[in-house]
Amino acid sequence: MDLIRIIFSILLPPVGVFLQVGLGGAFWLNILLTILGYISGIIHAVWIIAKR
């Protein structure tokens, strides 16, 4: 399942984070990071998935 989340994190970072943590603070932070810079959103999403 983590592989699917990582693939979603590369394509759409907020979706990968949502699948991992739901609508928590990490999800909203990831949306903000993705808007400010797509690469920062990807890094944050992969970090969230790898951390849990």
C-alpha atoms as a PDB file:
ATOM      1  CA  MET A   1       0.000   0.000   0.000  1.00  0.00           C
ATOM      2  CA  ASP A   2       2.897   2.380   0.645  1.00  0.00           C
ATOM      3  CA  LEU A   3       3.993   2.031  -2.973  1.00  0.00           C
ATOM      4  CA  ILE A   4       0.583   3.241  -4.153  1.00  0.00           C
ATOM      5  CA  ARG A   5       0.740   6.195  -1.751  1.00  0.00           C
ATOM      6  CA  ILE A   6       4.217   7.145  -2.980  1.00  0.00           C
ATOM      7  CA  ILE A   7       3.052   7.012  -6.605  1.00  0.00           C
ATOM      8  CA  PHE A   8       0.101   9.260  -5.713  1.00  0.00           C
ATOM      9  CA  SER A   9       2.531  11.542  -3.841  1.00  0.00           C
ATOM     10  CA  ILE A  10       4.619  12.021  -6.950  1.00  0.00           C
ATOM     11  CA  LEU A  11       1.630  12.687  -9.197  1.00  0.00           C
ATOM     12  CA  LEU A  12      -0.581  14.618  -6.745  1.00  0.00           C
ATOM     13  CA  PRO A  13       1.138  15.149  -3.376  1.00  0.00           C
ATOM     14  CA  PRO A  14      -1.988  16.092  -1.358  1.00  0.00           C
ATOM     15  CA  VAL A  15      -3.715  12.850  -2.401  1.00  0.00           C
ATOM     16  CA  GLY A  16      -0.838  10.760  -1.046  1.00  0.00           C
ATOM     17  CA  VAL A  17      -0.909  12.643   2.253  1.00  0.00           C
ATOM     18  CA  PHE A  18      -4.694  12.359   2.449  1.00  0.00           C
ATOM     19  CA  LEU A  19      -4.486   8.587   2.022  1.00  0.00           C
ATOM     20  CA  GLN A  20      -1.986   8.451   4.890  1.00  0.00           C
ATOM     21  CA  VAL A  21      -3.339  10.922   7.479  1.00  0.00           C
ATOM     22  CA  GLY A  22      -6.758  12.130   6.313  1.00  0.00           C
ATOM     23  CA  LEU A  23      -7.815  15.769   6.622  1.00  0.00           C
ATOM     24  CA  GLY A  24      -5.318  16.674   9.340  1.00  0.00           C
ATOM     25  CA  GLY A  25      -2.847  19.500   9.578  1.00  0.00           C
ATOM     26  CA  ALA A  26      -0.295  17.656   7.438  1.00  0.00           C
ATOM     27  CA  PHE A  27      -2.789  17.534   4.576  1.00  0.00           C
ATOM     28  CA  TRP A  28      -3.395  21.294   4.616  1.00  0.00           C
ATOM     29  CA  LEU A  29       0.318  21.987   4.968  1.00  0.00           C
ATOM     30  CA  ASN A  30       0.955  19.803   1.950  1.00  0.00           C
ATOM     31  CA  ILE A  31      -1.617  21.680  -0.117  1.00  0.00           C
ATOM     32  CA  LEU A  32       0.104  24.944   0.791  1.00  0.00           C
ATOM     33  CA  LEU A  33       3.544  23.544  -0.041  1.00  0.00           C
ATOM     34  CA  THR A  34       2.286  22.147  -3.341  1.00  0.00           C
ATOM     35  CA  ILE A  35       0.835  25.531  -4.305  1.00  0.00           C
ATOM     36  CA  LEU A  36       4.069  27.310  -3.380  1.00  0.00           C
ATOM     37  CA  GLY A  37       6.288  24.769  -5.096  1.00  0.00           C
ATOM     38  CA  TYR A  38       5.418  21.391  -6.523  1.00  0.00           C
ATOM     39  CA  ILE A  39       8.746  19.783  -5.536  1.00  0.00           C
ATOM     40  CA  SER A  40       8.371  20.872  -1.905  1.00  0.00           C
ATOM     41  CA  GLY A  41       4.914  19.255  -1.860  1.00  0.00           C
ATOM     42  CA  ILE A  42       6.368  15.996  -3.178  1.00  0.00           C
ATOM     43  CA  ILE A  43       9.172  15.995  -0.606  1.00  0.00           C
ATOM     44  CA  HIS A  44       6.746  16.651   2.236  1.00  0.00           C
ATOM     45  CA  ALA A  45       4.331  13.948   1.036  1.00  0.00           C
ATOM     46  CA  VAL A  46       7.041  11.294   0.729  1.00  0.00           C
ATOM     47  CA  TRP A  47       8.384  12.293   4.148  1.00  0.00           C
ATOM     48  CA  ILE A  48       4.932  11.924   5.754  1.00  0.00           C
ATOM     49  CA  ILE A  49       4.453   8.499   4.168  1.00  0.00           C
ATOM     50  CA  ALA A  50       7.935   7.274   5.094  1.00  0.00           C
ATOM     51  CA  LYS A  51       7.625   8.569   8.663  1.00  0.00           C
ATOM     52  CA  ARG A  52       4.521   6.492   9.476  1.00  0.00           C
END
